[in-house]
Amino acid sequence: MINGRINQPSPNSPLYDHWLRCNDMVFAWLSNSVSRDIADSVLYCDTARDLWKDLEERYGQSNASRYYQIQREIGGVSQGSRDIASYYTRLRKLWDELKTASFGPTCTCGAEPLCSEG
């Protein structure tokens, strides 16, 4: 196990059948969770990890534009005719969404925010 991932055992390993069953289950779950067109385009992937990496590579970049859009929305929010609770709720929702819309490589060395890995 490296970085929280379980490596594929060799076909001679007694764990191989278990790994294969889990891989097939996760692969099916992932491919059934996307549209038919997308699922058809990732059927060539050998493992669930390969499928996930392919989807992440294709669609993971869109978070950058969403991140920027949320920042612009936060900058444009004004209280206007809203009461303070509604105003704060709107800002809080955007801040929470901004936290989940991260993009780019993530730090794995534990030195965030001074990390030079990402």
PDB file of N, CA and C in Angstrom:
ATOM      1  N   MET A   1       0.858  -1.180   0.000  1.00  0.00           N
ATOM      2  CA  MET A   1       0.000   0.000   0.000  1.00  0.00           C
ATOM      3  C   MET A   1       0.895   1.230   0.000  1.00  0.00           C
ATOM      4  N   ILE A   2       0.740   2.076  -1.022  1.00  0.00           N
ATOM      5  CA  ILE A   2       1.523   3.292  -1.146  1.00  0.00           C
ATOM      6  C   ILE A   2       0.564   4.470  -1.258  1.00  0.00           C
ATOM      7  N   ASN A   3       0.733   5.493  -0.405  1.00  0.00           N
ATOM      8  CA  ASN A   3      -0.117   6.691  -0.439  1.00  0.00           C
ATOM      9  C   ASN A   3      -1.601   6.355  -0.370  1.00  0.00           C
ATOM     10  N   GLY A   4      -1.983   5.356   0.425  1.00  0.00           N
ATOM     11  CA  GLY A   4      -3.388   5.026   0.579  1.00  0.00           C
ATOM     12  C   GLY A   4      -3.958   4.193  -0.561  1.00  0.00           C
ATOM     13  N   ARG A   5      -3.137   3.800  -1.520  1.00  0.00           N
ATOM     14  CA  ARG A   5      -3.599   2.980  -2.636  1.00  0.00           C
ATOM     15  C   ARG A   5      -3.174   1.541  -2.421  1.00  0.00           C
ATOM     16  N   ILE A   6      -4.021   0.634  -2.812  1.00  0.00           N
ATOM     17  CA  ILE A   6      -3.676  -0.775  -2.771  1.00  0.00           C
ATOM     18  C   ILE A   6      -3.194  -1.154  -4.152  1.00  0.00           C
ATOM     19  N   ASN A   7      -1.944  -1.560  -4.228  1.00  0.00           N
ATOM     20  CA  ASN A   7      -1.365  -1.915  -5.511  1.00  0.00           C
ATOM     21  C   ASN A   7      -1.923  -3.243  -6.006  1.00  0.00           C
ATOM     22  N   GLN A   8      -1.978  -3.383  -7.302  1.00  0.00           N
ATOM     23  CA  GLN A   8      -2.465  -4.613  -7.907  1.00  0.00           C
ATOM     24  C   GLN A   8      -1.479  -5.738  -7.621  1.00  0.00           C
ATOM     25  N   PRO A   9      -1.951  -6.822  -6.992  1.00  0.00           N
ATOM     26  CA  PRO A   9      -1.047  -7.943  -6.740  1.00  0.00           C
ATOM     27  C   PRO A   9      -0.781  -8.718  -8.028  1.00  0.00           C
ATOM     28  N   SER A  10       0.265  -9.501  -8.021  1.00  0.00           N
ATOM     29  CA  SER A  10       0.566 -10.313  -9.206  1.00  0.00           C
ATOM     30  C   SER A  10      -0.507 -11.391  -9.351  1.00  0.00           C
ATOM     31  N   PRO A  11      -0.728 -11.882 -10.561  1.00  0.00           N
ATOM     32  CA  PRO A  11      -1.746 -12.917 -10.776  1.00  0.00           C
ATOM     33  C   PRO A  11      -1.483 -14.195  -9.972  1.00  0.00           C
ATOM     34  N   ASN A  12      -0.258 -14.403  -9.523  1.00  0.00           N
ATOM     35  CA  ASN A  12       0.071 -15.588  -8.724  1.00  0.00           C
ATOM     36  C   ASN A  12      -0.254 -15.411  -7.248  1.00  0.00           C
ATOM     37  N   SER A  13      -0.529 -14.186  -6.839  1.00  0.00           N
ATOM     38  CA  SER A  13      -0.786 -13.893  -5.433  1.00  0.00           C
ATOM     39  C   SER A  13      -2.143 -14.449  -5.000  1.00  0.00           C
ATOM     40  N   PRO A  14      -2.239 -14.937  -3.753  1.00  0.00           N
ATOM     41  CA  PRO A  14      -3.540 -15.400  -3.255  1.00  0.00           C
ATOM     42  C   PRO A  14      -4.538 -14.246  -3.100  1.00  0.00           C
ATOM     43  N   LEU A  15      -4.051 -13.010  -3.110  1.00  0.00           N
ATOM     44  CA  LEU A  15      -4.941 -11.846  -2.987  1.00  0.00           C
ATOM     45  C   LEU A  15      -5.477 -11.370  -4.333  1.00  0.00           C
ATOM     46  N   TYR A  16      -4.953 -11.922  -5.411  1.00  0.00           N
ATOM     47  CA  TYR A  16      -5.311 -11.427  -6.739  1.00  0.00           C
ATOM     48  C   TYR A  16      -6.815 -11.539  -7.010  1.00  0.00           C
ATOM     49  N   ASP A  17      -7.420 -12.661  -6.695  1.00  0.00           N
ATOM     50  CA  ASP A  17      -8.857 -12.844  -6.948  1.00  0.00           C
ATOM     51  C   ASP A  17      -9.699 -11.832  -6.165  1.00  0.00           C
ATOM     52  N   HIS A  18      -9.293 -11.549  -4.933  1.00  0.00           N
ATOM     53  CA  HIS A  18     -10.005 -10.551  -4.118  1.00  0.00           C
ATOM     54  C   HIS A  18      -9.846  -9.164  -4.722  1.00  0.00           C
ATOM     55  N   TRP A  19      -8.612  -8.845  -5.114  1.00  0.00           N
ATOM     56  CA  TRP A  19      -8.356  -7.546  -5.729  1.00  0.00           C
ATOM     57  C   TRP A  19      -9.171  -7.402  -7.012  1.00  0.00           C
ATOM     58  N   LEU A  20      -9.186  -8.448  -7.829  1.00  0.00           N
ATOM     59  CA  LEU A  20      -9.911  -8.415  -9.094  1.00  0.00           C
ATOM     60  C   LEU A  20     -11.405  -8.195  -8.869  1.00  0.00           C
ATOM     61  N   ARG A  21     -11.972  -8.869  -7.882  1.00  0.00           N
ATOM     62  CA  ARG A  21     -13.395  -8.704  -7.569  1.00  0.00           C
ATOM     63  C   ARG A  21     -13.689  -7.269  -7.135  1.00  0.00           C
ATOM     64  N   CYS A  22     -12.854  -6.712  -6.265  1.00  0.00           N
ATOM     65  CA  CYS A  22     -13.039  -5.324  -5.816  1.00  0.00           C
ATOM     66  C   CYS A  22     -12.858  -4.347  -6.974  1.00  0.00           C
ATOM     67  N   ASN A  23     -11.844  -4.582  -7.795  1.00  0.00           N
ATOM     68  CA  ASN A  23     -11.611  -3.724  -8.949  1.00  0.00           C
ATOM     69  C   ASN A  23     -12.824  -3.734  -9.881  1.00  0.00           C
ATOM     70  N   ASP A  24     -13.358  -4.919 -10.155  1.00  0.00           N
ATOM     71  CA  ASP A  24     -14.526  -5.026 -11.034  1.00  0.00           C
ATOM     72  C   ASP A  24     -15.740  -4.307 -10.455  1.00  0.00           C
ATOM     73  N   MET A  25     -15.904  -4.412  -9.142  1.00  0.00           N
ATOM     74  CA  MET A  25     -17.032  -3.757  -8.486  1.00  0.00           C
ATOM     75  C   MET A  25     -16.901  -2.233  -8.582  1.00  0.00           C
ATOM     76  N   VAL A  26     -15.725  -1.706  -8.290  1.00  0.00           N
ATOM     77  CA  VAL A  26     -15.510  -0.254  -8.360  1.00  0.00           C
ATOM     78  C   VAL A  26     -15.596   0.221  -9.812  1.00  0.00           C
ATOM     79  N   PHE A  27     -15.043  -0.553 -10.742  1.00  0.00           N
ATOM     80  CA  PHE A  27     -15.109  -0.201 -12.163  1.00  0.00           C
ATOM     81  C   PHE A  27     -16.566  -0.086 -12.613  1.00  0.00           C
ATOM     82  N   ALA A  28     -17.381  -1.066 -12.223  1.00  0.00           N
ATOM     83  CA  ALA A  28     -18.803  -1.044 -12.595  1.00  0.00           C
ATOM     84  C   ALA A  28     -19.512   0.144 -11.963  1.00  0.00           C
ATOM     85  N   TRP A  29     -19.209   0.415 -10.704  1.00  0.00           N
ATOM     86  CA  TRP A  29     -19.839   1.547 -10.030  1.00  0.00           C
ATOM     87  C   TRP A  29     -19.497   2.852 -10.735  1.00  0.00           C
ATOM     88  N   LEU A  30     -18.211   3.036 -11.067  1.00  0.00           N
ATOM     89  CA  LEU A  30     -17.796   4.263 -11.746  1.00  0.00           C
ATOM     90  C   LEU A  30     -18.426   4.381 -13.133  1.00  0.00           C
ATOM     91  N   SER A  31     -18.358   3.313 -13.905  1.00  0.00           N
ATOM     92  CA  SER A  31     -18.869   3.392 -15.277  1.00  0.00           C
ATOM     93  C   SER A  31     -20.389   3.544 -15.304  1.00  0.00           C
ATOM     94  N   ASN A  32     -21.087   3.054 -14.289  1.00  0.00           N
ATOM     95  CA  ASN A  32     -22.538   3.229 -14.216  1.00  0.00           C
ATOM     96  C   ASN A  32     -22.939   4.584 -13.640  1.00  0.00           C
ATOM     97  N   SER A  33     -21.963   5.332 -13.137  1.00  0.00           N
ATOM     98  CA  SER A  33     -22.240   6.639 -12.536  1.00  0.00           C
ATOM     99  C   SER A  33     -22.073   7.791 -13.515  1.00  0.00           C
ATOM    100  N   VAL A  34     -21.673   7.496 -14.731  1.00  0.00           N
ATOM    101  CA  VAL A  34     -21.484   8.533 -15.742  1.00  0.00           C
ATOM    102  C   VAL A  34     -22.441   8.282 -16.894  1.00  0.00           C
ATOM    103  N   SER A  35     -22.557   9.256 -17.782  1.00  0.00           N
ATOM    104  CA  SER A  35     -23.467   9.095 -18.915  1.00  0.00           C
ATOM    105  C   SER A  35     -22.990   7.964 -19.822  1.00  0.00           C
ATOM    106  N   ARG A  36     -23.887   7.441 -20.625  1.00  0.00           N
ATOM    107  CA  ARG A  36     -23.587   6.318 -21.513  1.00  0.00           C
ATOM    108  C   ARG A  36     -22.441   6.668 -22.463  1.00  0.00           C
ATOM    109  N   ASP A  37     -22.437   7.896 -23.013  1.00  0.00           N
ATOM    110  CA  ASP A  37     -21.368   8.305 -23.930  1.00  0.00           C
ATOM    111  C   ASP A  37     -20.004   8.281 -23.246  1.00  0.00           C
ATOM    112  N   ILE A  38     -19.962   8.789 -22.030  1.00  0.00           N
ATOM    113  CA  ILE A  38     -18.697   8.801 -21.293  1.00  0.00           C
ATOM    114  C   ILE A  38     -18.289   7.376 -20.942  1.00  0.00           C
ATOM    115  N   ALA A  39     -19.237   6.566 -20.476  1.00  0.00           N
ATOM    116  CA  ALA A  39     -18.930   5.176 -20.126  1.00  0.00           C
ATOM    117  C   ALA A  39     -18.375   4.418 -21.324  1.00  0.00           C
ATOM    118  N   ASP A  40     -18.962   4.642 -22.497  1.00  0.00           N
ATOM    119  CA  ASP A  40     -18.469   3.973 -23.705  1.00  0.00           C
ATOM    120  C   ASP A  40     -17.038   4.383 -24.031  1.00  0.00           C
ATOM    121  N   SER A  41     -16.678   5.611 -23.687  1.00  0.00           N
ATOM    122  CA  SER A  41     -15.334   6.099 -24.024  1.00  0.00           C
ATOM    123  C   SER A  41     -14.260   5.627 -23.047  1.00  0.00           C
ATOM    124  N   VAL A  42     -14.651   5.074 -21.905  1.00  0.00           N
ATOM    125  CA  VAL A  42     -13.652   4.619 -20.934  1.00  0.00           C
ATOM    126  C   VAL A  42     -13.647   3.096 -20.765  1.00  0.00           C
ATOM    127  N   LEU A  43     -14.369   2.400 -21.608  1.00  0.00           N
ATOM    128  CA  LEU A  43     -14.413   0.943 -21.495  1.00  0.00           C
ATOM    129  C   LEU A  43     -13.061   0.284 -21.740  1.00  0.00           C
ATOM    130  N   TYR A  44     -12.174   0.967 -22.437  1.00  0.00           N
ATOM    131  CA  TYR A  44     -10.854   0.406 -22.724  1.00  0.00           C
ATOM    132  C   TYR A  44      -9.943   0.380 -21.500  1.00  0.00           C
ATOM    133  N   CYS A  45     -10.290   1.086 -20.444  1.00  0.00           N
ATOM    134  CA  CYS A  45      -9.450   1.125 -19.245  1.00  0.00           C
ATOM    135  C   CYS A  45      -9.354  -0.267 -18.631  1.00  0.00           C
ATOM    136  N   ASP A  46      -8.152  -0.600 -18.161  1.00  0.00           N
ATOM    137  CA  ASP A  46      -7.929  -1.934 -17.596  1.00  0.00           C
ATOM    138  C   ASP A  46      -8.380  -2.055 -16.146  1.00  0.00           C
ATOM    139  N   THR A  47      -8.227  -0.980 -15.388  1.00  0.00           N
ATOM    140  CA  THR A  47      -8.548  -1.031 -13.964  1.00  0.00           C
ATOM    141  C   THR A  47      -9.430   0.152 -13.586  1.00  0.00           C
ATOM    142  N   ALA A  48     -10.045   0.046 -12.421  1.00  0.00           N
ATOM    143  CA  ALA A  48     -10.854   1.145 -11.906  1.00  0.00           C
ATOM    144  C   ALA A  48      -9.983   2.381 -11.695  1.00  0.00           C
ATOM    145  N   ARG A  49      -8.743   2.175 -11.270  1.00  0.00           N
ATOM    146  CA  ARG A  49      -7.827   3.297 -11.086  1.00  0.00           C
ATOM    147  C   ARG A  49      -7.560   3.991 -12.414  1.00  0.00           C
ATOM    148  N   ASP A  50      -7.340   3.226 -13.480  1.00  0.00           N
ATOM    149  CA  ASP A  50      -7.129   3.809 -14.807  1.00  0.00           C
ATOM    150  C   ASP A  50      -8.354   4.596 -15.251  1.00  0.00           C
ATOM    151  N   LEU A  51      -9.537   4.045 -14.992  1.00  0.00           N
ATOM    152  CA  LEU A  51     -10.779   4.723 -15.361  1.00  0.00           C
ATOM    153  C   LEU A  51     -10.887   6.045 -14.603  1.00  0.00           C
ATOM    154  N   TRP A  52     -10.629   6.001 -13.292  1.00  0.00           N
ATOM    155  CA  TRP A  52     -10.714   7.211 -12.475  1.00  0.00           C
ATOM    156  C   TRP A  52      -9.725   8.270 -12.947  1.00  0.00           C
ATOM    157  N   LYS A  53      -8.477   7.865 -13.219  1.00  0.00           N
ATOM    158  CA  LYS A  53      -7.466   8.809 -13.681  1.00  0.00           C
ATOM    159  C   LYS A  53      -7.865   9.430 -15.017  1.00  0.00           C
ATOM    160  N   ASP A  54      -8.453   8.626 -15.907  1.00  0.00           N
ATOM    161  CA  ASP A  54      -8.909   9.125 -17.207  1.00  0.00           C
ATOM    162  C   ASP A  54      -9.995  10.183 -17.018  1.00  0.00           C
ATOM    163  N   LEU A  55     -10.980   9.886 -16.168  1.00  0.00           N
ATOM    164  CA  LEU A  55     -12.064  10.843 -15.913  1.00  0.00           C
ATOM    165  C   LEU A  55     -11.533  12.110 -15.243  1.00  0.00           C
ATOM    166  N   GLU A  56     -10.625  11.932 -14.308  1.00  0.00           N
ATOM    167  CA  GLU A  56     -10.045  13.085 -13.619  1.00  0.00           C
ATOM    168  C   GLU A  56      -9.268  13.966 -14.595  1.00  0.00           C
ATOM    169  N   GLU A  57      -8.523  13.341 -15.484  1.00  0.00           N
ATOM    170  CA  GLU A  57      -7.747  14.092 -16.465  1.00  0.00           C
ATOM    171  C   GLU A  57      -8.651  14.868 -17.416  1.00  0.00           C
ATOM    172  N   ARG A  58      -9.736  14.239 -17.827  1.00  0.00           N
ATOM    173  CA  ARG A  58     -10.655  14.887 -18.778  1.00  0.00           C
ATOM    174  C   ARG A  58     -11.509  15.970 -18.150  1.00  0.00           C
ATOM    175  N   TYR A  59     -12.057  15.687 -16.982  1.00  0.00           N
ATOM    176  CA  TYR A  59     -13.077  16.572 -16.417  1.00  0.00           C
ATOM    177  C   TYR A  59     -12.638  17.309 -15.162  1.00  0.00           C
ATOM    178  N   GLY A  60     -11.505  16.985 -14.598  1.00  0.00           N
ATOM    179  CA  GLY A  60     -11.054  17.614 -13.364  1.00  0.00           C
ATOM    180  C   GLY A  60     -10.649  19.063 -13.525  1.00  0.00           C
ATOM    181  N   GLN A  61     -10.311  19.492 -14.720  1.00  0.00           N
ATOM    182  CA  GLN A  61      -9.852  20.854 -14.939  1.00  0.00           C
ATOM    183  C   GLN A  61     -10.971  21.878 -14.852  1.00  0.00           C
ATOM    184  N   SER A  62     -12.204  21.457 -14.978  1.00  0.00           N
ATOM    185  CA  SER A  62     -13.309  22.413 -14.971  1.00  0.00           C
ATOM    186  C   SER A  62     -13.463  23.116 -13.628  1.00  0.00           C
ATOM    187  N   ASN A  63     -12.899  22.554 -12.564  1.00  0.00           N
ATOM    188  CA  ASN A  63     -12.987  23.203 -11.265  1.00  0.00           C
ATOM    189  C   ASN A  63     -12.294  24.558 -11.254  1.00  0.00           C
ATOM    190  N   ALA A  64     -11.270  24.737 -12.075  1.00  0.00           N
ATOM    191  CA  ALA A  64     -10.563  26.019 -12.101  1.00  0.00           C
ATOM    192  C   ALA A  64     -11.499  27.139 -12.528  1.00  0.00           C
ATOM    193  N   SER A  65     -12.300  26.897 -13.552  1.00  0.00           N
ATOM    194  CA  SER A  65     -13.222  27.938 -13.991  1.00  0.00           C
ATOM    195  C   SER A  65     -14.336  28.157 -12.971  1.00  0.00           C
ATOM    196  N   ARG A  66     -14.808  27.078 -12.345  1.00  0.00           N
ATOM    197  CA  ARG A  66     -15.842  27.220 -11.320  1.00  0.00           C
ATOM    198  C   ARG A  66     -15.283  27.978 -10.115  1.00  0.00           C
ATOM    199  N   TYR A  67     -14.052  27.696  -9.739  1.00  0.00           N
ATOM    200  CA  TYR A  67     -13.388  28.373  -8.633  1.00  0.00           C
ATOM    201  C   TYR A  67     -13.344  29.878  -8.887  1.00  0.00           C
ATOM    202  N   TYR A  68     -12.945  30.258 -10.090  1.00  0.00           N
ATOM    203  CA  TYR A  68     -12.878  31.667 -10.470  1.00  0.00           C
ATOM    204  C   TYR A  68     -14.276  32.297 -10.454  1.00  0.00           C
ATOM    205  N   GLN A  69     -15.265  31.554 -10.970  1.00  0.00           N
ATOM    206  CA  GLN A  69     -16.640  32.066 -11.009  1.00  0.00           C
ATOM    207  C   GLN A  69     -17.162  32.316  -9.589  1.00  0.00           C
ATOM    208  N   ILE A  70     -16.889  31.402  -8.671  1.00  0.00           N
ATOM    209  CA  ILE A  70     -17.342  31.577  -7.284  1.00  0.00           C
ATOM    210  C   ILE A  70     -16.657  32.780  -6.653  1.00  0.00           C
ATOM    211  N   GLN A  71     -15.361  32.965  -6.922  1.00  0.00           N
ATOM    212  CA  GLN A  71     -14.658  34.129  -6.386  1.00  0.00           C
ATOM    213  C   GLN A  71     -15.293  35.424  -6.890  1.00  0.00           C
ATOM    214  N   ARG A  72     -15.660  35.443  -8.162  1.00  0.00           N
ATOM    215  CA  ARG A  72     -16.317  36.630  -8.720  1.00  0.00           C
ATOM    216  C   ARG A  72     -17.678  36.860  -8.071  1.00  0.00           C
ATOM    217  N   GLU A  73     -18.419  35.774  -7.836  1.00  0.00           N
ATOM    218  CA  GLU A  73     -19.725  35.909  -7.172  1.00  0.00           C
ATOM    219  C   GLU A  73     -19.563  36.472  -5.773  1.00  0.00           C
ATOM    220  N   ILE A  74     -18.561  35.986  -5.032  1.00  0.00           N
ATOM    221  CA  ILE A  74     -18.320  36.489  -3.679  1.00  0.00           C
ATOM    222  C   ILE A  74     -18.008  37.973  -3.719  1.00  0.00           C
ATOM    223  N   GLY A  75     -17.188  38.372  -4.678  1.00  0.00           N
ATOM    224  CA  GLY A  75     -16.841  39.788  -4.809  1.00  0.00           C
ATOM    225  C   GLY A  75     -18.023  40.663  -5.182  1.00  0.00           C
ATOM    226  N   GLY A  76     -19.020  40.087  -5.823  1.00  0.00           N
ATOM    227  CA  GLY A  76     -20.172  40.865  -6.267  1.00  0.00           C
ATOM    228  C   GLY A  76     -21.366  40.834  -5.328  1.00  0.00           C
ATOM    229  N   VAL A  77     -21.291  40.048  -4.270  1.00  0.00           N
ATOM    230  CA  VAL A  77     -22.421  39.949  -3.345  1.00  0.00           C
ATOM    231  C   VAL A  77     -22.514  41.221  -2.515  1.00  0.00           C
ATOM    232  N   SER A  78     -23.712  41.760  -2.466  1.00  0.00           N
ATOM    233  CA  SER A  78     -23.953  42.904  -1.577  1.00  0.00           C
ATOM    234  C   SER A  78     -25.223  42.625  -0.787  1.00  0.00           C
ATOM    235  N   GLN A  79     -25.341  43.283   0.323  1.00  0.00           N
ATOM    236  CA  GLN A  79     -26.499  43.032   1.171  1.00  0.00           C
ATOM    237  C   GLN A  79     -27.776  43.504   0.485  1.00  0.00           C
ATOM    238  N   GLY A  80     -27.728  44.645  -0.180  1.00  0.00           N
ATOM    239  CA  GLY A  80     -28.911  45.153  -0.865  1.00  0.00           C
ATOM    240  C   GLY A  80     -30.099  45.223   0.067  1.00  0.00           C
ATOM    241  N   SER A  81     -31.216  44.664  -0.357  1.00  0.00           N
ATOM    242  CA  SER A  81     -32.441  44.706   0.453  1.00  0.00           C
ATOM    243  C   SER A  81     -32.587  43.477   1.357  1.00  0.00           C
ATOM    244  N   ARG A  82     -31.584  42.605   1.348  1.00  0.00           N
ATOM    245  CA  ARG A  82     -31.651  41.404   2.191  1.00  0.00           C
ATOM    246  C   ARG A  82     -31.393  41.751   3.650  1.00  0.00           C
ATOM    247  N   ASP A  83     -31.974  40.943   4.536  1.00  0.00           N
ATOM    248  CA  ASP A  83     -31.624  41.095   5.941  1.00  0.00           C
ATOM    249  C   ASP A  83     -30.242  40.487   6.153  1.00  0.00           C
ATOM    250  N   ILE A  84     -29.630  40.771   7.268  1.00  0.00           N
ATOM    251  CA  ILE A  84     -28.254  40.358   7.518  1.00  0.00           C
ATOM    252  C   ILE A  84     -28.110  38.838   7.507  1.00  0.00           C
ATOM    253  N   ALA A  85     -29.114  38.114   7.989  1.00  0.00           N
ATOM    254  CA  ALA A  85     -29.050  36.650   8.018  1.00  0.00           C
ATOM    255  C   ALA A  85     -29.028  36.079   6.595  1.00  0.00           C
ATOM    256  N   SER A  86     -29.850  36.619   5.705  1.00  0.00           N
ATOM    257  CA  SER A  86     -29.872  36.153   4.321  1.00  0.00           C
ATOM    258  C   SER A  86     -28.569  36.480   3.611  1.00  0.00           C
ATOM    259  N   TYR A  87     -28.060  37.679   3.874  1.00  0.00           N
ATOM    260  CA  TYR A  87     -26.790  38.102   3.285  1.00  0.00           C
ATOM    261  C   TYR A  87     -25.658  37.177   3.730  1.00  0.00           C
ATOM    262  N   TYR A  88     -25.584  36.914   5.033  1.00  0.00           N
ATOM    263  CA  TYR A  88     -24.544  36.042   5.566  1.00  0.00           C
ATOM    264  C   TYR A  88     -24.700  34.618   5.027  1.00  0.00           C
ATOM    265  N   THR A  89     -25.931  34.136   4.945  1.00  0.00           N
ATOM    266  CA  THR A  89     -26.189  32.783   4.439  1.00  0.00           C
ATOM    267  C   THR A  89     -25.709  32.639   3.001  1.00  0.00           C
ATOM    268  N   ARG A  90     -25.965  33.657   2.189  1.00  0.00           N
ATOM    269  CA  ARG A  90     -25.513  33.638   0.793  1.00  0.00           C
ATOM    270  C   ARG A  90     -23.985  33.596   0.724  1.00  0.00           C
ATOM    271  N   LEU A  91     -23.318  34.440   1.499  1.00  0.00           N
ATOM    272  CA  LEU A  91     -21.853  34.442   1.525  1.00  0.00           C
ATOM    273  C   LEU A  91     -21.305  33.112   2.040  1.00  0.00           C
ATOM    274  N   ARG A  92     -21.911  32.601   3.082  1.00  0.00           N
ATOM    275  CA  ARG A  92     -21.447  31.335   3.671  1.00  0.00           C
ATOM    276  C   ARG A  92     -21.564  30.192   2.661  1.00  0.00           C
ATOM    277  N   LYS A  93     -22.643  30.158   1.913  1.00  0.00           N
ATOM    278  CA  LYS A  93     -22.837  29.134   0.887  1.00  0.00           C
ATOM    279  C   LYS A  93     -21.735  29.221  -0.163  1.00  0.00           C
ATOM    280  N   LEU A  94     -21.428  30.432  -0.601  1.00  0.00           N
ATOM    281  CA  LEU A  94     -20.370  30.613  -1.598  1.00  0.00           C
ATOM    282  C   LEU A  94     -18.995  30.246  -1.038  1.00  0.00           C
ATOM    283  N   TRP A  95     -18.720  30.608   0.203  1.00  0.00           N
ATOM    284  CA  TRP A  95     -17.436  30.258   0.815  1.00  0.00           C
ATOM    285  C   TRP A  95     -17.286  28.737   0.915  1.00  0.00           C
ATOM    286  N   ASP A  96     -18.363  28.067   1.334  1.00  0.00           N
ATOM    287  CA  ASP A  96     -18.322  26.606   1.437  1.00  0.00           C
ATOM    288  C   ASP A  96     -18.119  25.969   0.068  1.00  0.00           C
ATOM    289  N   GLU A  97     -18.795  26.516  -0.931  1.00  0.00           N
ATOM    290  CA  GLU A  97     -18.644  25.991  -2.285  1.00  0.00           C
ATOM    291  C   GLU A  97     -17.217  26.224  -2.800  1.00  0.00           C
ATOM    292  N   LEU A  98     -16.644  27.361  -2.475  1.00  0.00           N
ATOM    293  CA  LEU A  98     -15.278  27.668  -2.886  1.00  0.00           C
ATOM    294  C   LEU A  98     -14.290  26.666  -2.279  1.00  0.00           C
ATOM    295  N   LYS A  99     -14.530  26.281  -1.032  1.00  0.00           N
ATOM    296  CA  LYS A  99     -13.661  25.301  -0.375  1.00  0.00           C
ATOM    297  C   LYS A  99     -13.682  23.959  -1.101  1.00  0.00           C
ATOM    298  N   THR A 100     -14.831  23.562  -1.617  1.00  0.00           N
ATOM    299  CA  THR A 100     -14.946  22.256  -2.267  1.00  0.00           C
ATOM    300  C   THR A 100     -14.553  22.298  -3.740  1.00  0.00           C
ATOM    301  N   ALA A 101     -14.390  23.488  -4.306  1.00  0.00           N
ATOM    302  CA  ALA A 101     -14.058  23.616  -5.731  1.00  0.00           C
ATOM    303  C   ALA A 101     -12.564  23.761  -5.940  1.00  0.00           C
ATOM    304  N   SER A 102     -11.773  23.087  -5.127  1.00  0.00           N
ATOM    305  CA  SER A 102     -10.325  23.198  -5.284  1.00  0.00           C
ATOM    306  C   SER A 102      -9.889  22.576  -6.599  1.00  0.00           C
ATOM    307  N   PHE A 103      -8.735  22.969  -7.081  1.00  0.00           N
ATOM    308  CA  PHE A 103      -8.228  22.442  -8.339  1.00  0.00           C
ATOM    309  C   PHE A 103      -6.719  22.399  -8.288  1.00  0.00           C
ATOM    310  N   GLY A 104      -6.140  21.711  -9.236  1.00  0.00           N
ATOM    311  CA  GLY A 104      -4.688  21.602  -9.308  1.00  0.00           C
ATOM    312  C   GLY A 104      -4.173  20.492  -8.423  1.00  0.00           C
ATOM    313  N   PRO A 105      -2.866  20.292  -8.432  1.00  0.00           N
ATOM    314  CA  PRO A 105      -2.277  19.215  -7.630  1.00  0.00           C
ATOM    315  C   PRO A 105      -2.417  19.511  -6.151  1.00  0.00           C
ATOM    316  N   THR A 106      -2.584  18.468  -5.369  1.00  0.00           N
ATOM    317  CA  THR A 106      -2.705  18.641  -3.935  1.00  0.00           C
ATOM    318  C   THR A 106      -1.393  18.266  -3.262  1.00  0.00           C
ATOM    319  N   CYS A 107      -1.128  18.921  -2.174  1.00  0.00           N
ATOM    320  CA  CYS A 107       0.104  18.692  -1.420  1.00  0.00           C
ATOM    321  C   CYS A 107       0.037  17.323  -0.733  1.00  0.00           C
ATOM    322  N   THR A 108       1.107  16.556  -0.849  1.00  0.00           N
ATOM    323  CA  THR A 108       1.175  15.268  -0.168  1.00  0.00           C
ATOM    324  C   THR A 108       2.317  15.217   0.831  1.00  0.00           C
ATOM    325  N   CYS A 109       3.085  16.305   0.915  1.00  0.00           N
ATOM    326  CA  CYS A 109       4.256  16.286   1.799  1.00  0.00           C
ATOM    327  C   CYS A 109       3.946  16.804   3.194  1.00  0.00           C
ATOM    328  N   GLY A 110       2.791  17.424   3.396  1.00  0.00           N
ATOM    329  CA  GLY A 110       2.412  17.931   4.702  1.00  0.00           C
ATOM    330  C   GLY A 110       2.907  19.328   5.008  1.00  0.00           C
ATOM    331  N   ALA A 111       3.510  20.021   4.048  1.00  0.00           N
ATOM    332  CA  ALA A 111       4.070  21.350   4.279  1.00  0.00           C
ATOM    333  C   ALA A 111       3.185  22.456   3.730  1.00  0.00           C
ATOM    334  N   GLU A 112       1.899  22.160   3.521  1.00  0.00           N
ATOM    335  CA  GLU A 112       0.996  23.180   2.986  1.00  0.00           C
ATOM    336  C   GLU A 112       0.967  24.370   3.926  1.00  0.00           C
ATOM    337  N   PRO A 113       0.885  25.590   3.579  1.00  0.00           N
ATOM    338  CA  PRO A 113       0.803  26.165   2.250  1.00  0.00           C
ATOM    339  C   PRO A 113       2.162  26.473   1.617  1.00  0.00           C
ATOM    340  N   LEU A 114       3.239  26.080   2.261  1.00  0.00           N
ATOM    341  CA  LEU A 114       4.573  26.371   1.759  1.00  0.00           C
ATOM    342  C   LEU A 114       5.093  25.283   0.824  1.00  0.00           C
ATOM    343  N   CYS A 115       4.253  24.368   0.464  1.00  0.00           N
ATOM    344  CA  CYS A 115       4.635  23.204  -0.321  1.00  0.00           C
ATOM    345  C   CYS A 115       5.098  23.595  -1.715  1.00  0.00           C
ATOM    346  N   SER A 116       6.145  22.954  -2.171  1.00  0.00           N
ATOM    347  CA  SER A 116       6.626  23.191  -3.538  1.00  0.00           C
ATOM    348  C   SER A 116       6.260  22.035  -4.458  1.00  0.00           C
ATOM    349  N   GLU A 117       5.539  21.017  -3.928  1.00  0.00           N
ATOM    350  CA  GLU A 117       5.126  19.869  -4.741  1.00  0.00           C
ATOM    351  C   GLU A 117       4.024  20.220  -5.701  1.00  0.00           C
ATOM    352  N   GLY A 118       3.084  21.091  -5.290  1.00  0.00           N
ATOM    353  CA  GLY A 118       1.902  21.354  -6.097  1.00  0.00           C
ATOM    354  C   GLY A 118       1.838  22.694  -6.634  1.00  0.00           C
TER     355      GLY A 118
END
